[in-house]
Amino acid sequence: MFGFMRKNKMSPQDAISGARDGSITVIDVREHGEVAASGKAAGALHIPLIRLRDMADSRHPDYHKSLNTKGKIAVYCASGARSMSAARTLRKLGYDDVHNIGGLGHWVQAGGALEAL
C-alpha cells in the first residue's frame, strides 16, 4: 500500500482516529521548511528523518520522551519514501508497531486536519 508495513496495515483513516483518541503517535519526518510551508498532521510530532535515529533512541540525550517502543506509531513524509526509511529505523531501535501511512496528502485526503508547526 504505502511502503513496507508489518503486522496489520494501518490506513491514514486509522491513524487519524488513533491520533484523535491518543492510541497512536503520529510522526512527520519531513524537513523543517516543508512543515513550515504546509503545516503538519494535527497532533503529530515533527521529527525530521535526519534526527530520528537520535530522538527515538532512549539512550541518546536528545531522546523524545513522547515516544514509546511498545506503542503504535504512524509515520509520514511528503510522498511515503522517507517515511518508509523512518519505519525501518524505528524498528531497528526496537519499536514494534510502526506503520508507514504515506504522505501528508494521504492524511489530508482521508480527512485529517492540519496544524501549523
PDB file of N, CA and C in Angstrom:
ATOM      1  N   MET A   1       0.839  -1.191   0.000  1.00  0.00           N
ATOM      2  CA  MET A   1       0.000   0.000   0.000  1.00  0.00           C
ATOM      3  C   MET A   1       0.878   1.247   0.000  1.00  0.00           C
ATOM      4  N   PHE A   2       1.402   1.693   1.118  1.00  0.00           N
ATOM      5  CA  PHE A   2       2.286   2.851   1.188  1.00  0.00           C
ATOM      6  C   PHE A   2       3.628   2.421   1.744  1.00  0.00           C
ATOM      7  N   GLY A   3       4.329   1.569   1.037  1.00  0.00           N
ATOM      8  CA  GLY A   3       5.620   1.119   1.512  1.00  0.00           C
ATOM      9  C   GLY A   3       5.494  -0.132   2.362  1.00  0.00           C
ATOM     10  N   PHE A   4       6.592  -0.505   2.960  1.00  0.00           N
ATOM     11  CA  PHE A   4       6.681  -1.733   3.744  1.00  0.00           C
ATOM     12  C   PHE A   4       6.037  -1.557   5.110  1.00  0.00           C
ATOM     13  N   MET A   5       5.089  -2.426   5.448  1.00  0.00           N
ATOM     14  CA  MET A   5       4.431  -2.387   6.757  1.00  0.00           C
ATOM     15  C   MET A   5       4.421  -3.790   7.330  1.00  0.00           C
ATOM     16  N   ARG A   6       4.539  -3.886   8.637  1.00  0.00           N
ATOM     17  CA  ARG A   6       4.445  -5.171   9.317  1.00  0.00           C
ATOM     18  C   ARG A   6       3.155  -5.217  10.101  1.00  0.00           C
ATOM     19  N   LYS A   7       2.820  -6.433  10.540  1.00  0.00           N
ATOM     20  CA  LYS A   7       1.609  -6.659  11.332  1.00  0.00           C
ATOM     21  C   LYS A   7       0.398  -6.205  10.536  1.00  0.00           C
ATOM     22  N   ASN A   8      -0.584  -5.652  11.191  1.00  0.00           N
ATOM     23  CA  ASN A   8      -1.776  -5.172  10.496  1.00  0.00           C
ATOM     24  C   ASN A   8      -1.456  -3.874   9.782  1.00  0.00           C
ATOM     25  N   LYS A   9      -1.961  -3.739   8.579  1.00  0.00           N
ATOM     26  CA  LYS A   9      -1.742  -2.492   7.848  1.00  0.00           C
ATOM     27  C   LYS A   9      -2.582  -1.390   8.474  1.00  0.00           C
ATOM     28  N   MET A  10      -2.025  -0.210   8.517  1.00  0.00           N
ATOM     29  CA  MET A  10      -2.730   0.944   9.068  1.00  0.00           C
ATOM     30  C   MET A  10      -2.998   1.932   7.941  1.00  0.00           C
ATOM     31  N   SER A  11      -4.227   2.298   7.789  1.00  0.00           N
ATOM     32  CA  SER A  11      -4.597   3.284   6.782  1.00  0.00           C
ATOM     33  C   SER A  11      -4.458   4.680   7.378  1.00  0.00           C
ATOM     34  N   PRO A  12      -4.407   5.700   6.539  1.00  0.00           N
ATOM     35  CA  PRO A  12      -4.416   7.062   7.074  1.00  0.00           C
ATOM     36  C   PRO A  12      -5.650   7.318   7.948  1.00  0.00           C
ATOM     37  N   GLN A  13      -6.793   6.738   7.588  1.00  0.00           N
ATOM     38  CA  GLN A  13      -8.008   6.904   8.395  1.00  0.00           C
ATOM     39  C   GLN A  13      -7.815   6.329   9.795  1.00  0.00           C
ATOM     40  N   ASP A  14      -7.166   5.153   9.884  1.00  0.00           N
ATOM     41  CA  ASP A  14      -6.873   4.540  11.185  1.00  0.00           C
ATOM     42  C   ASP A  14      -5.940   5.437  12.001  1.00  0.00           C
ATOM     43  N   ALA A  15      -4.955   6.020  11.327  1.00  0.00           N
ATOM     44  CA  ALA A  15      -4.009   6.905  12.018  1.00  0.00           C
ATOM     45  C   ALA A  15      -4.721   8.152  12.541  1.00  0.00           C
ATOM     46  N   ILE A  16      -5.635   8.692  11.750  1.00  0.00           N
ATOM     47  CA  ILE A  16      -6.397   9.870  12.183  1.00  0.00           C
ATOM     48  C   ILE A  16      -7.207   9.540  13.426  1.00  0.00           C
ATOM     49  N   SER A  17      -7.912   8.425  13.402  1.00  0.00           N
ATOM     50  CA  SER A  17      -8.718   8.015  14.560  1.00  0.00           C
ATOM     51  C   SER A  17      -7.839   7.775  15.779  1.00  0.00           C
ATOM     52  N   GLY A  18      -6.729   7.079  15.581  1.00  0.00           N
ATOM     53  CA  GLY A  18      -5.819   6.787  16.689  1.00  0.00           C
ATOM     54  C   GLY A  18      -5.162   8.026  17.258  1.00  0.00           C
ATOM     55  N   ALA A  19      -4.812   8.971  16.383  1.00  0.00           N
ATOM     56  CA  ALA A  19      -4.227  10.232  16.866  1.00  0.00           C
ATOM     57  C   ALA A  19      -5.257  10.997  17.686  1.00  0.00           C
ATOM     58  N   ARG A  20      -6.486  10.962  17.226  1.00  0.00           N
ATOM     59  CA  ARG A  20      -7.568  11.670  17.914  1.00  0.00           C
ATOM     60  C   ARG A  20      -7.806  11.101  19.315  1.00  0.00           C
ATOM     61  N   ASP A  21      -7.784   9.755  19.449  1.00  0.00           N
ATOM     62  CA  ASP A  21      -8.074   9.154  20.761  1.00  0.00           C
ATOM     63  C   ASP A  21      -6.816   8.871  21.587  1.00  0.00           C
ATOM     64  N   GLY A  22      -5.651   9.213  21.032  1.00  0.00           N
ATOM     65  CA  GLY A  22      -4.408   9.072  21.778  1.00  0.00           C
ATOM     66  C   GLY A  22      -3.792   7.684  21.763  1.00  0.00           C
ATOM     67  N   SER A  23      -4.316   6.778  20.941  1.00  0.00           N
ATOM     68  CA  SER A  23      -3.777   5.420  20.909  1.00  0.00           C
ATOM     69  C   SER A  23      -2.625   5.249  19.917  1.00  0.00           C
ATOM     70  N   ILE A  24      -2.380   6.263  19.089  1.00  0.00           N
ATOM     71  CA  ILE A  24      -1.324   6.212  18.084  1.00  0.00           C
ATOM     72  C   ILE A  24      -0.521   7.501  18.136  1.00  0.00           C
ATOM     73  N   THR A  25       0.806   7.352  18.072  1.00  0.00           N
ATOM     74  CA  THR A  25       1.692   8.502  17.933  1.00  0.00           C
ATOM     75  C   THR A  25       1.987   8.675  16.455  1.00  0.00           C
ATOM     76  N   VAL A  26       1.709   9.852  15.928  1.00  0.00           N
ATOM     77  CA  VAL A  26       1.965  10.148  14.522  1.00  0.00           C
ATOM     78  C   VAL A  26       3.222  11.005  14.446  1.00  0.00           C
ATOM     79  N   ILE A  27       4.124  10.648  13.535  1.00  0.00           N
ATOM     80  CA  ILE A  27       5.386  11.382  13.372  1.00  0.00           C
ATOM     81  C   ILE A  27       5.523  11.849  11.935  1.00  0.00           C
ATOM     82  N   ASP A  28       5.755  13.145  11.776  1.00  0.00           N
ATOM     83  CA  ASP A  28       6.055  13.773  10.494  1.00  0.00           C
ATOM     84  C   ASP A  28       7.569  13.815  10.374  1.00  0.00           C
ATOM     85  N   VAL A  29       8.139  13.148   9.365  1.00  0.00           N
ATOM     86  CA  VAL A  29       9.594  13.081   9.232  1.00  0.00           C
ATOM     87  C   VAL A  29      10.137  14.022   8.146  1.00  0.00           C
ATOM     88  N   ARG A  30       9.309  14.962   7.691  1.00  0.00           N
ATOM     89  CA  ARG A  30       9.767  15.918   6.674  1.00  0.00           C
ATOM     90  C   ARG A  30      10.700  16.955   7.297  1.00  0.00           C
ATOM     91  N   GLU A  31      11.398  17.671   6.450  1.00  0.00           N
ATOM     92  CA  GLU A  31      12.295  18.736   6.889  1.00  0.00           C
ATOM     93  C   GLU A  31      11.503  19.927   7.423  1.00  0.00           C
ATOM     94  N   HIS A  32      12.162  20.732   8.235  1.00  0.00           N
ATOM     95  CA  HIS A  32      11.510  21.870   8.887  1.00  0.00           C
ATOM     96  C   HIS A  32      10.843  22.809   7.868  1.00  0.00           C
ATOM     97  N   GLY A  33      11.528  23.119   6.789  1.00  0.00           N
ATOM     98  CA  GLY A  33      10.975  24.030   5.785  1.00  0.00           C
ATOM     99  C   GLY A  33       9.698  23.509   5.152  1.00  0.00           C
ATOM    100  N   GLU A  34       9.631  22.208   4.936  1.00  0.00           N
ATOM    101  CA  GLU A  34       8.423  21.610   4.369  1.00  0.00           C
ATOM    102  C   GLU A  34       7.244  21.758   5.326  1.00  0.00           C
ATOM    103  N   VAL A  35       7.502  21.483   6.591  1.00  0.00           N
ATOM    104  CA  VAL A  35       6.429  21.565   7.589  1.00  0.00           C
ATOM    105  C   VAL A  35       6.012  23.022   7.797  1.00  0.00           C
ATOM    106  N   ALA A  36       6.977  23.928   7.801  1.00  0.00           N
ATOM    107  CA  ALA A  36       6.657  25.349   7.963  1.00  0.00           C
ATOM    108  C   ALA A  36       5.789  25.843   6.808  1.00  0.00           C
ATOM    109  N   ALA A  37       6.014  25.309   5.609  1.00  0.00           N
ATOM    110  CA  ALA A  37       5.265  25.753   4.433  1.00  0.00           C
ATOM    111  C   ALA A  37       3.845  25.186   4.374  1.00  0.00           C
ATOM    112  N   SER A  38       3.656  23.959   4.848  1.00  0.00           N
ATOM    113  CA  SER A  38       2.357  23.311   4.657  1.00  0.00           C
ATOM    114  C   SER A  38       1.622  22.967   5.945  1.00  0.00           C
ATOM    115  N   GLY A  39       2.299  23.040   7.073  1.00  0.00           N
ATOM    116  CA  GLY A  39       1.717  22.558   8.319  1.00  0.00           C
ATOM    117  C   GLY A  39       1.965  21.069   8.445  1.00  0.00           C
ATOM    118  N   LYS A  40       1.464  20.495   9.531  1.00  0.00           N
ATOM    119  CA  LYS A  40       1.643  19.067   9.774  1.00  0.00           C
ATOM    120  C   LYS A  40       0.313  18.475  10.215  1.00  0.00           C
ATOM    121  N   ALA A  41       0.250  17.179  10.251  1.00  0.00           N
ATOM    122  CA  ALA A  41      -0.961  16.492  10.714  1.00  0.00           C
ATOM    123  C   ALA A  41      -1.254  16.938  12.148  1.00  0.00           C
ATOM    124  N   ALA A  42      -2.495  17.216  12.425  1.00  0.00           N
ATOM    125  CA  ALA A  42      -2.894  17.662  13.759  1.00  0.00           C
ATOM    126  C   ALA A  42      -2.470  16.632  14.799  1.00  0.00           C
ATOM    127  N   GLY A  43      -1.730  17.097  15.785  1.00  0.00           N
ATOM    128  CA  GLY A  43      -1.280  16.244  16.872  1.00  0.00           C
ATOM    129  C   GLY A  43      -0.003  15.475  16.604  1.00  0.00           C
ATOM    130  N   ALA A  44       0.541  15.578  15.382  1.00  0.00           N
ATOM    131  CA  ALA A  44       1.753  14.825  15.041  1.00  0.00           C
ATOM    132  C   ALA A  44       2.989  15.447  15.677  1.00  0.00           C
ATOM    133  N   LEU A  45       3.952  14.598  15.996  1.00  0.00           N
ATOM    134  CA  LEU A  45       5.274  15.065  16.386  1.00  0.00           C
ATOM    135  C   LEU A  45       6.025  15.387  15.106  1.00  0.00           C
ATOM    136  N   HIS A  46       6.861  16.414  15.143  1.00  0.00           N
ATOM    137  CA  HIS A  46       7.704  16.701  13.997  1.00  0.00           C
ATOM    138  C   HIS A  46       9.128  16.311  14.362  1.00  0.00           C
ATOM    139  N   ILE A  47       9.600  15.233  13.749  1.00  0.00           N
ATOM    140  CA  ILE A  47      10.976  14.775  13.953  1.00  0.00           C
ATOM    141  C   ILE A  47      11.558  14.506  12.567  1.00  0.00           C
ATOM    142  N   PRO A  48      12.360  15.430  12.034  1.00  0.00           N
ATOM    143  CA  PRO A  48      12.930  15.221  10.705  1.00  0.00           C
ATOM    144  C   PRO A  48      13.692  13.896  10.631  1.00  0.00           C
ATOM    145  N   LEU A  49      13.624  13.242   9.492  1.00  0.00           N
ATOM    146  CA  LEU A  49      14.266  11.945   9.313  1.00  0.00           C
ATOM    147  C   LEU A  49      15.729  11.974   9.743  1.00  0.00           C
ATOM    148  N   ILE A  50      16.435  13.035   9.419  1.00  0.00           N
ATOM    149  CA  ILE A  50      17.853  13.125   9.752  1.00  0.00           C
ATOM    150  C   ILE A  50      18.093  13.101  11.268  1.00  0.00           C
ATOM    151  N   ARG A  51      17.098  13.464  12.068  1.00  0.00           N
ATOM    152  CA  ARG A  51      17.215  13.495  13.540  1.00  0.00           C
ATOM    153  C   ARG A  51      16.542  12.299  14.213  1.00  0.00           C
ATOM    154  N   LEU A  52      15.831  11.489  13.444  1.00  0.00           N
ATOM    155  CA  LEU A  52      15.020  10.428  14.029  1.00  0.00           C
ATOM    156  C   LEU A  52      15.834   9.417  14.827  1.00  0.00           C
ATOM    157  N   ARG A  53      16.963   8.980  14.302  1.00  0.00           N
ATOM    158  CA  ARG A  53      17.765   7.967  14.994  1.00  0.00           C
ATOM    159  C   ARG A  53      18.122   8.429  16.409  1.00  0.00           C
ATOM    160  N   ASP A  54      18.535   9.659  16.565  1.00  0.00           N
ATOM    161  CA  ASP A  54      18.886  10.179  17.899  1.00  0.00           C
ATOM    162  C   ASP A  54      17.652  10.370  18.767  1.00  0.00           C
ATOM    163  N   MET A  55      16.630  10.981  18.209  1.00  0.00           N
ATOM    164  CA  MET A  55      15.463  11.348  19.012  1.00  0.00           C
ATOM    165  C   MET A  55      14.580  10.156  19.376  1.00  0.00           C
ATOM    166  N   ALA A  56      14.760   9.025  18.699  1.00  0.00           N
ATOM    167  CA  ALA A  56      13.988   7.825  19.015  1.00  0.00           C
ATOM    168  C   ALA A  56      14.777   6.819  19.848  1.00  0.00           C
ATOM    169  N   ASP A  57      16.033   7.127  20.128  1.00  0.00           N
ATOM    170  CA  ASP A  57      16.894   6.235  20.905  1.00  0.00           C
ATOM    171  C   ASP A  57      16.894   6.689  22.365  1.00  0.00           C
ATOM    172  N   SER A  58      16.334   5.882  23.242  1.00  0.00           N
ATOM    173  CA  SER A  58      16.193   6.264  24.650  1.00  0.00           C
ATOM    174  C   SER A  58      17.532   6.486  25.342  1.00  0.00           C
ATOM    175  N   ARG A  59      18.636   6.036  24.748  1.00  0.00           N
ATOM    176  CA  ARG A  59      19.966   6.242  25.341  1.00  0.00           C
ATOM    177  C   ARG A  59      20.584   7.576  24.931  1.00  0.00           C
ATOM    178  N   HIS A  60      19.995   8.233  23.969  1.00  0.00           N
ATOM    179  CA  HIS A  60      20.556   9.490  23.446  1.00  0.00           C
ATOM    180  C   HIS A  60      20.030  10.680  24.240  1.00  0.00           C
ATOM    181  N   PRO A  61      20.864  11.696  24.468  1.00  0.00           N
ATOM    182  CA  PRO A  61      20.395  12.871  25.219  1.00  0.00           C
ATOM    183  C   PRO A  61      19.256  13.638  24.550  1.00  0.00           C
ATOM    184  N   ASP A  62      19.085  13.498  23.242  1.00  0.00           N
ATOM    185  CA  ASP A  62      18.009  14.183  22.529  1.00  0.00           C
ATOM    186  C   ASP A  62      16.742  13.339  22.398  1.00  0.00           C
ATOM    187  N   TYR A  63      16.677  12.244  23.133  1.00  0.00           N
ATOM    188  CA  TYR A  63      15.518  11.338  23.068  1.00  0.00           C
ATOM    189  C   TYR A  63      14.222  12.106  23.319  1.00  0.00           C
ATOM    190  N   HIS A  64      13.237  11.851  22.471  1.00  0.00           N
ATOM    191  CA  HIS A  64      11.916  12.491  22.605  1.00  0.00           C
ATOM    192  C   HIS A  64      11.067  11.618  23.517  1.00  0.00           C
ATOM    193  N   LYS A  65      10.801  12.096  24.707  1.00  0.00           N
ATOM    194  CA  LYS A  65      10.141  11.299  25.734  1.00  0.00           C
ATOM    195  C   LYS A  65       8.694  10.914  25.402  1.00  0.00           C
ATOM    196  N   SER A  66       8.127  11.472  24.343  1.00  0.00           N
ATOM    197  CA  SER A  66       6.775  11.098  23.930  1.00  0.00           C
ATOM    198  C   SER A  66       6.742   9.763  23.183  1.00  0.00           C
ATOM    199  N   LEU A  67       7.912   9.249  22.825  1.00  0.00           N
ATOM    200  CA  LEU A  67       7.973   8.004  22.063  1.00  0.00           C
ATOM    201  C   LEU A  67       8.020   6.803  23.004  1.00  0.00           C
ATOM    202  N   ASN A  68       7.360   5.733  22.585  1.00  0.00           N
ATOM    203  CA  ASN A  68       7.267   4.529  23.394  1.00  0.00           C
ATOM    204  C   ASN A  68       7.460   3.328  22.475  1.00  0.00           C
ATOM    205  N   THR A  69       8.435   2.493  22.765  1.00  0.00           N
ATOM    206  CA  THR A  69       8.712   1.336  21.899  1.00  0.00           C
ATOM    207  C   THR A  69       7.553   0.350  21.858  1.00  0.00           C
ATOM    208  N   LYS A  70       6.679   0.389  22.821  1.00  0.00           N
ATOM    209  CA  LYS A  70       5.542  -0.545  22.865  1.00  0.00           C
ATOM    210  C   LYS A  70       4.265   0.039  22.255  1.00  0.00           C
ATOM    211  N   GLY A  71       4.244   1.329  21.955  1.00  0.00           N
ATOM    212  CA  GLY A  71       3.046   1.973  21.413  1.00  0.00           C
ATOM    213  C   GLY A  71       2.972   1.891  19.901  1.00  0.00           C
ATOM    214  N   LYS A  72       1.795   2.184  19.365  1.00  0.00           N
ATOM    215  CA  LYS A  72       1.600   2.234  17.914  1.00  0.00           C
ATOM    216  C   LYS A  72       2.117   3.560  17.393  1.00  0.00           C
ATOM    217  N   ILE A  73       2.846   3.483  16.283  1.00  0.00           N
ATOM    218  CA  ILE A  73       3.402   4.673  15.659  1.00  0.00           C
ATOM    219  C   ILE A  73       3.066   4.669  14.175  1.00  0.00           C
ATOM    220  N   ALA A  74       2.612   5.816  13.683  1.00  0.00           N
ATOM    221  CA  ALA A  74       2.374   6.017  12.260  1.00  0.00           C
ATOM    222  C   ALA A  74       3.314   7.118  11.791  1.00  0.00           C
ATOM    223  N   VAL A  75       4.040   6.877  10.714  1.00  0.00           N
ATOM    224  CA  VAL A  75       4.965   7.872  10.173  1.00  0.00           C
ATOM    225  C   VAL A  75       4.530   8.271   8.774  1.00  0.00           C
ATOM    226  N   TYR A  76       4.793   9.527   8.444  1.00  0.00           N
ATOM    227  CA  TYR A  76       4.517  10.005   7.087  1.00  0.00           C
ATOM    228  C   TYR A  76       5.546  11.053   6.720  1.00  0.00           C
ATOM    229  N   CYS A  77       5.633  11.326   5.419  1.00  0.00           N
ATOM    230  CA  CYS A  77       6.519  12.368   4.896  1.00  0.00           C
ATOM    231  C   CYS A  77       5.749  13.107   3.804  1.00  0.00           C
ATOM    232  N   ALA A  78       6.391  13.430   2.705  1.00  0.00           N
ATOM    233  CA  ALA A  78       5.699  14.105   1.614  1.00  0.00           C
ATOM    234  C   ALA A  78       5.027  13.095   0.682  1.00  0.00           C
ATOM    235  N   SER A  79       5.699  11.972   0.421  1.00  0.00           N
ATOM    236  CA  SER A  79       5.153  11.002  -0.535  1.00  0.00           C
ATOM    237  C   SER A  79       5.112   9.567  -0.023  1.00  0.00           C
ATOM    238  N   GLY A  80       5.886   9.251   0.996  1.00  0.00           N
ATOM    239  CA  GLY A  80       5.928   7.899   1.543  1.00  0.00           C
ATOM    240  C   GLY A  80       7.299   7.258   1.516  1.00  0.00           C
ATOM    241  N   ALA A  81       8.250   7.820   0.760  1.00  0.00           N
ATOM    242  CA  ALA A  81       9.583   7.214   0.661  1.00  0.00           C
ATOM    243  C   ALA A  81      10.396   7.411   1.943  1.00  0.00           C
ATOM    244  N   ARG A  82      10.478   8.638   2.427  1.00  0.00           N
ATOM    245  CA  ARG A  82      11.239   8.884   3.660  1.00  0.00           C
ATOM    246  C   ARG A  82      10.580   8.212   4.853  1.00  0.00           C
ATOM    247  N   SER A  83       9.259   8.162   4.856  1.00  0.00           N
ATOM    248  CA  SER A  83       8.581   7.512   5.980  1.00  0.00           C
ATOM    249  C   SER A  83       8.838   6.003   5.971  1.00  0.00           C
ATOM    250  N   MET A  84       9.067   5.415   4.814  1.00  0.00           N
ATOM    251  CA  MET A  84       9.432   4.004   4.756  1.00  0.00           C
ATOM    252  C   MET A  84      10.790   3.811   5.431  1.00  0.00           C
ATOM    253  N   SER A  85      11.732   4.694   5.149  1.00  0.00           N
ATOM    254  CA  SER A  85      13.040   4.646   5.793  1.00  0.00           C
ATOM    255  C   SER A  85      12.910   4.886   7.298  1.00  0.00           C
ATOM    256  N   ALA A  86      12.052   5.814   7.685  1.00  0.00           N
ATOM    257  CA  ALA A  86      11.829   6.108   9.110  1.00  0.00           C
ATOM    258  C   ALA A  86      11.269   4.889   9.830  1.00  0.00           C
ATOM    259  N   ALA A  87      10.335   4.188   9.204  1.00  0.00           N
ATOM    260  CA  ALA A  87       9.758   2.991   9.816  1.00  0.00           C
ATOM    261  C   ALA A  87      10.827   1.933  10.043  1.00  0.00           C
ATOM    262  N   ARG A  88      11.706   1.750   9.074  1.00  0.00           N
ATOM    263  CA  ARG A  88      12.812   0.791   9.233  1.00  0.00           C
ATOM    264  C   ARG A  88      13.716   1.195  10.388  1.00  0.00           C
ATOM    265  N   THR A  89      14.041   2.485  10.463  1.00  0.00           N
ATOM    266  CA  THR A  89      14.902   2.987  11.543  1.00  0.00           C
ATOM    267  C   THR A  89      14.267   2.721  12.899  1.00  0.00           C
ATOM    268  N   LEU A  90      12.993   3.032  13.027  1.00  0.00           N
ATOM    269  CA  LEU A  90      12.305   2.820  14.300  1.00  0.00           C
ATOM    270  C   LEU A  90      12.284   1.342  14.676  1.00  0.00           C
ATOM    271  N   ARG A  91      12.048   0.475  13.730  1.00  0.00           N
ATOM    272  CA  ARG A  91      12.045  -0.968  14.016  1.00  0.00           C
ATOM    273  C   ARG A  91      13.415  -1.428  14.495  1.00  0.00           C
ATOM    274  N   LYS A  92      14.479  -0.923  13.871  1.00  0.00           N
ATOM    275  CA  LYS A  92      15.837  -1.282  14.288  1.00  0.00           C
ATOM    276  C   LYS A  92      16.116  -0.820  15.718  1.00  0.00           C
ATOM    277  N   LEU A  93      15.448   0.235  16.143  1.00  0.00           N
ATOM    278  CA  LEU A  93      15.623   0.761  17.502  1.00  0.00           C
ATOM    279  C   LEU A  93      14.702   0.079  18.515  1.00  0.00           C
ATOM    280  N   GLY A  94      13.929  -0.909  18.060  1.00  0.00           N
ATOM    281  CA  GLY A  94      13.104  -1.675  18.982  1.00  0.00           C
ATOM    282  C   GLY A  94      11.639  -1.308  19.033  1.00  0.00           C
ATOM    283  N   TYR A  95      11.197  -0.424  18.166  1.00  0.00           N
ATOM    284  CA  TYR A  95       9.773  -0.083  18.097  1.00  0.00           C
ATOM    285  C   TYR A  95       9.078  -1.184  17.293  1.00  0.00           C
ATOM    286  N   ASP A  96       8.070  -1.793  17.884  1.00  0.00           N
ATOM    287  CA  ASP A  96       7.453  -2.971  17.270  1.00  0.00           C
ATOM    288  C   ASP A  96       6.299  -2.669  16.327  1.00  0.00           C
ATOM    289  N   ASP A  97       5.486  -1.693  16.659  1.00  0.00           N
ATOM    290  CA  ASP A  97       4.223  -1.468  15.950  1.00  0.00           C
ATOM    291  C   ASP A  97       4.292  -0.157  15.170  1.00  0.00           C
ATOM    292  N   VAL A  98       5.042  -0.173  14.065  1.00  0.00           N
ATOM    293  CA  VAL A  98       5.319   1.020  13.274  1.00  0.00           C
ATOM    294  C   VAL A  98       4.692   0.868  11.894  1.00  0.00           C
ATOM    295  N   HIS A  99       4.043   1.938  11.428  1.00  0.00           N
ATOM    296  CA  HIS A  99       3.346   1.899  10.145  1.00  0.00           C
ATOM    297  C   HIS A  99       3.662   3.136   9.319  1.00  0.00           C
ATOM    298  N   ASN A 100       3.948   2.920   8.044  1.00  0.00           N
ATOM    299  CA  ASN A 100       4.140   3.997   7.083  1.00  0.00           C
ATOM    300  C   ASN A 100       2.771   4.288   6.464  1.00  0.00           C
ATOM    301  N   ILE A 101       2.233   5.465   6.743  1.00  0.00           N
ATOM    302  CA  ILE A 101       0.914   5.797   6.178  1.00  0.00           C
ATOM    303  C   ILE A 101       1.025   6.648   4.918  1.00  0.00           C
ATOM    304  N   GLY A 102       2.241   6.801   4.395  1.00  0.00           N
ATOM    305  CA  GLY A 102       2.425   7.503   3.135  1.00  0.00           C
ATOM    306  C   GLY A 102       2.836   8.942   3.306  1.00  0.00           C
ATOM    307  N   GLY A 103       2.159   9.819   2.566  1.00  0.00           N
ATOM    308  CA  GLY A 103       2.492  11.233   2.578  1.00  0.00           C
ATOM    309  C   GLY A 103       1.420  12.075   3.240  1.00  0.00           C
ATOM    310  N   LEU A 104       1.750  13.322   3.461  1.00  0.00           N
ATOM    311  CA  LEU A 104       0.803  14.255   4.076  1.00  0.00           C
ATOM    312  C   LEU A 104      -0.487  14.329   3.251  1.00  0.00           C
ATOM    313  N   GLY A 105      -0.380  14.225   1.954  1.00  0.00           N
ATOM    314  CA  GLY A 105      -1.563  14.248   1.096  1.00  0.00           C
ATOM    315  C   GLY A 105      -2.523  13.113   1.402  1.00  0.00           C
ATOM    316  N   HIS A 106      -2.005  11.948   1.764  1.00  0.00           N
ATOM    317  CA  HIS A 106      -2.860  10.813   2.141  1.00  0.00           C
ATOM    318  C   HIS A 106      -3.636  11.146   3.418  1.00  0.00           C
ATOM    319  N   TRP A 107      -2.968  11.790   4.359  1.00  0.00           N
ATOM    320  CA  TRP A 107      -3.621  12.217   5.611  1.00  0.00           C
ATOM    321  C   TRP A 107      -4.769  13.181   5.300  1.00  0.00           C
ATOM    322  N   VAL A 108      -4.487  14.179   4.466  1.00  0.00           N
ATOM    323  CA  VAL A 108      -5.486  15.190   4.125  1.00  0.00           C
ATOM    324  C   VAL A 108      -6.651  14.555   3.348  1.00  0.00           C
ATOM    325  N   GLN A 109      -6.344  13.701   2.372  1.00  0.00           N
ATOM    326  CA  GLN A 109      -7.396  13.040   1.590  1.00  0.00           C
ATOM    327  C   GLN A 109      -8.311  12.182   2.462  1.00  0.00           C
ATOM    328  N   ALA A 110      -7.757  11.667   3.568  1.00  0.00           N
ATOM    329  CA  ALA A 110      -8.550  10.837   4.482  1.00  0.00           C
ATOM    330  C   ALA A 110      -9.362  11.676   5.479  1.00  0.00           C
ATOM    331  N   GLY A 111      -9.234  13.008   5.370  1.00  0.00           N
ATOM    332  CA  GLY A 111      -9.998  13.887   6.243  1.00  0.00           C
ATOM    333  C   GLY A 111      -9.263  14.378   7.460  1.00  0.00           C
ATOM    334  N   GLY A 112      -7.963  14.140   7.511  1.00  0.00           N
ATOM    335  CA  GLY A 112      -7.159  14.580   8.649  1.00  0.00           C
ATOM    336  C   GLY A 112      -6.928  16.077   8.655  1.00  0.00           C
ATOM    337  N   ALA A 113      -6.974  16.649   9.836  1.00  0.00           N
ATOM    338  CA  ALA A 113      -6.755  18.088   9.994  1.00  0.00           C
ATOM    339  C   ALA A 113      -5.259  18.402   9.994  1.00  0.00           C
ATOM    340  N   LEU A 114      -4.953  19.645   9.668  1.00  0.00           N
ATOM    341  CA  LEU A 114      -3.581  20.148   9.704  1.00  0.00           C
ATOM    342  C   LEU A 114      -3.449  21.200  10.787  1.00  0.00           C
ATOM    343  N   GLU A 115      -2.220  21.389  11.258  1.00  0.00           N
ATOM    344  CA  GLU A 115      -1.923  22.464  12.186  1.00  0.00           C
ATOM    345  C   GLU A 115      -0.564  23.043  11.840  1.00  0.00           C
ATOM    346  N   ALA A 116      -0.364  24.302  12.223  1.00  0.00           N
ATOM    347  CA  ALA A 116       0.917  24.950  11.971  1.00  0.00           C
ATOM    348  C   ALA A 116       1.964  24.377  12.920  1.00  0.00           C
ATOM    349  N   LEU A 117       3.204  24.455  12.484  1.00  0.00           N
ATOM    350  CA  LEU A 117       4.325  23.967  13.305  1.00  0.00           C
ATOM    351  C   LEU A 117       4.513  24.830  14.524  1.00  0.00           C
TER     352      LEU A 117
END
